[in-house]
Amino acid sequence: MSEQGTAGPKAAEPETVKPGTVKPGTAEPEVAGRPDEFGLADNLAALVLLAPALALLRFLGEHGWAYWTAVVLGGLGVLAAALGIAAAVRSLRRGRRRLLAVYTIVLLLVSCFLLVVRLVES
C-alpha cells in the first residue's frame, strides 16, 4: 500500500503560531488579544489620584492636613500619570488609537500642570 496519496499528520494540521513566538514574516511576537494595546483604563489610576488632590486643594486648601494629603496623592498621581503618558506615547508611535492617545496625553499633562500650580499657590 502506497502512502503517496495520503496526507501525513503534518499536512492535516492547520498552521498555528503559539503566543509569544515570532510569526513568520513579522518582527513582532504573536500575542493573543494584544495586551500591549493602549486603552482608557491606562489613565484611570492617575485620574483617581489627581482628581481628589485637586479637589482637596480647591475646597480645603487652607487647612494643613488637606494640603499635605493633596501633596501625597498628587505625587503618586504624577508618577501614575508619567506611566500613562509613556504608554500613550508608545501607542501613538505605533499608530494605534491615535485620538485616545492624544486625549490621554493632554488630559494627564493638564491635570499635572494644574496640580503643580495649585500647590505653588497654596
Protein backbone atom coordinates (compact mmCIF):
# COMPACT_ATOMS: atom_id res chain seq x y z
CA MET A 1 0.00 0.00 0.00
CA SER A 2 1.44 3.33 -1.04
CA GLU A 3 1.30 6.37 1.23
CA GLN A 4 1.93 8.90 -1.51
CA GLY A 5 -1.72 9.94 -1.85
CA THR A 6 -2.47 10.29 1.86
CA ALA A 7 -1.72 13.37 3.83
CA GLY A 8 0.59 12.96 6.76
CA PRO A 9 -0.11 14.37 10.22
CA LYS A 10 1.97 17.45 9.40
CA ALA A 11 -0.14 18.44 6.39
CA ALA A 12 -3.51 17.85 8.12
CA GLU A 13 -2.84 20.26 10.99
CA PRO A 14 -3.58 23.94 10.41
CA GLU A 15 -0.62 26.27 10.71
CA THR A 16 -0.82 27.89 14.13
CA VAL A 17 1.58 30.08 15.99
CA LYS A 18 1.86 29.80 19.75
CA PRO A 19 1.56 33.05 21.75
CA GLY A 20 4.95 34.61 22.44
CA THR A 21 6.60 33.19 19.31
CA VAL A 22 7.51 35.29 16.32
CA LYS A 23 5.12 34.90 13.42
CA PRO A 24 6.91 34.26 10.13
CA GLY A 25 7.29 37.45 8.10
CA THR A 26 6.77 39.84 11.03
CA ALA A 27 9.05 41.33 13.63
CA GLU A 28 6.53 41.35 16.48
CA PRO A 29 5.58 38.30 18.53
CA GLU A 30 2.05 36.97 18.11
CA VAL A 31 0.05 37.78 21.22
CA ALA A 32 -3.50 36.65 21.85
CA GLY A 33 -5.74 39.69 22.41
CA ARG A 34 -2.90 42.27 22.08
CA PRO A 35 -2.45 43.10 25.80
CA ASP A 36 0.06 45.82 24.90
CA GLU A 37 -2.67 47.88 23.24
CA PHE A 38 -3.48 51.18 24.95
CA GLY A 39 -6.92 51.71 26.46
CA LEU A 40 -8.88 54.08 28.64
CA ALA A 41 -8.07 52.09 31.77
CA ASP A 42 -4.39 53.03 31.43
CA ASN A 43 -5.01 56.58 32.65
CA LEU A 44 -7.58 55.69 35.29
CA ALA A 45 -5.05 55.22 38.11
CA ALA A 46 -3.61 58.69 37.57
CA LEU A 47 -7.00 60.35 37.44
CA VAL A 48 -8.19 58.57 40.59
CA LEU A 49 -5.24 60.11 42.43
CA LEU A 50 -5.10 63.52 40.74
CA ALA A 51 -8.81 64.39 40.95
CA PRO A 52 -9.08 64.13 44.77
CA ALA A 53 -5.81 66.02 45.18
CA LEU A 54 -7.13 68.86 43.03
CA ALA A 55 -10.47 68.83 44.86
CA LEU A 56 -8.75 68.99 48.25
CA LEU A 57 -6.67 71.95 47.17
CA ARG A 58 -9.67 73.69 45.67
CA PHE A 59 -12.08 73.34 48.57
CA LEU A 60 -9.92 72.73 51.66
CA GLY A 61 -6.57 74.14 50.62
CA GLU A 62 -6.30 76.47 53.64
CA HIS A 63 -6.05 73.52 56.05
CA GLY A 64 -2.61 72.00 56.58
CA TRP A 65 -3.80 68.40 56.61
CA ALA A 66 -5.62 68.88 53.29
CA TYR A 67 -2.55 70.44 51.71
CA TRP A 68 -0.24 67.60 52.74
CA THR A 69 -2.79 64.95 51.80
CA ALA A 70 -3.04 66.58 48.38
CA VAL A 71 0.76 66.58 48.12
CA VAL A 72 0.92 62.84 48.77
CA LEU A 73 -2.00 61.99 46.48
CA GLY A 74 -0.72 64.36 43.82
CA GLY A 75 2.81 62.97 43.94
CA LEU A 76 1.53 59.44 43.45
CA GLY A 77 -0.81 60.73 40.74
CA VAL A 78 2.04 62.41 38.88
CA LEU A 79 4.01 59.14 38.93
CA ALA A 80 0.99 57.24 37.63
CA ALA A 81 0.47 59.96 35.00
CA ALA A 82 4.07 59.56 33.84
CA LEU A 83 3.44 55.85 33.27
CA GLY A 84 0.15 56.60 31.48
CA ILE A 85 1.80 59.21 29.27
CA ALA A 86 4.59 56.78 28.40
CA ALA A 87 2.03 54.13 27.40
CA ALA A 88 0.10 56.69 25.34
CA VAL A 89 3.25 57.87 23.55
CA ARG A 90 4.20 54.25 22.82
CA SER A 91 0.72 53.66 21.38
CA LEU A 92 0.95 56.88 19.37
CA ARG A 93 4.30 55.88 17.89
CA ARG A 94 2.89 52.50 16.84
CA GLY A 95 -0.04 54.21 15.15
CA ARG A 96 -2.75 52.59 17.26
CA ARG A 97 -5.65 54.51 18.79
CA ARG A 98 -4.15 57.89 17.99
CA LEU A 99 -7.08 60.02 19.14
CA LEU A 100 -7.30 58.25 22.51
CA ALA A 101 -3.54 58.53 23.00
CA VAL A 102 -3.52 62.28 22.25
CA TYR A 103 -6.53 62.81 24.52
CA THR A 104 -4.81 60.94 27.36
CA ILE A 105 -1.54 62.82 26.97
CA VAL A 106 -3.30 66.20 27.00
CA LEU A 107 -5.58 65.27 29.91
CA LEU A 108 -2.75 64.00 32.12
CA LEU A 109 -0.40 66.87 31.30
CA VAL A 110 -3.09 69.46 32.06
CA SER A 111 -4.01 67.69 35.31
CA CYS A 112 -0.40 67.59 36.46
CA PHE A 113 0.12 71.22 35.50
CA LEU A 114 -3.00 72.33 37.41
CA LEU A 115 -1.91 70.36 40.44
CA VAL A 116 1.54 71.93 40.50
CA VAL A 117 0.09 75.43 40.04
CA ARG A 118 -2.37 74.93 42.91
CA LEU A 119 0.36 73.52 45.15
CA VAL A 120 2.59 76.51 44.46
CA GLU A 121 -0.27 78.96 45.07
CA SER A 122 -1.22 77.45 48.44
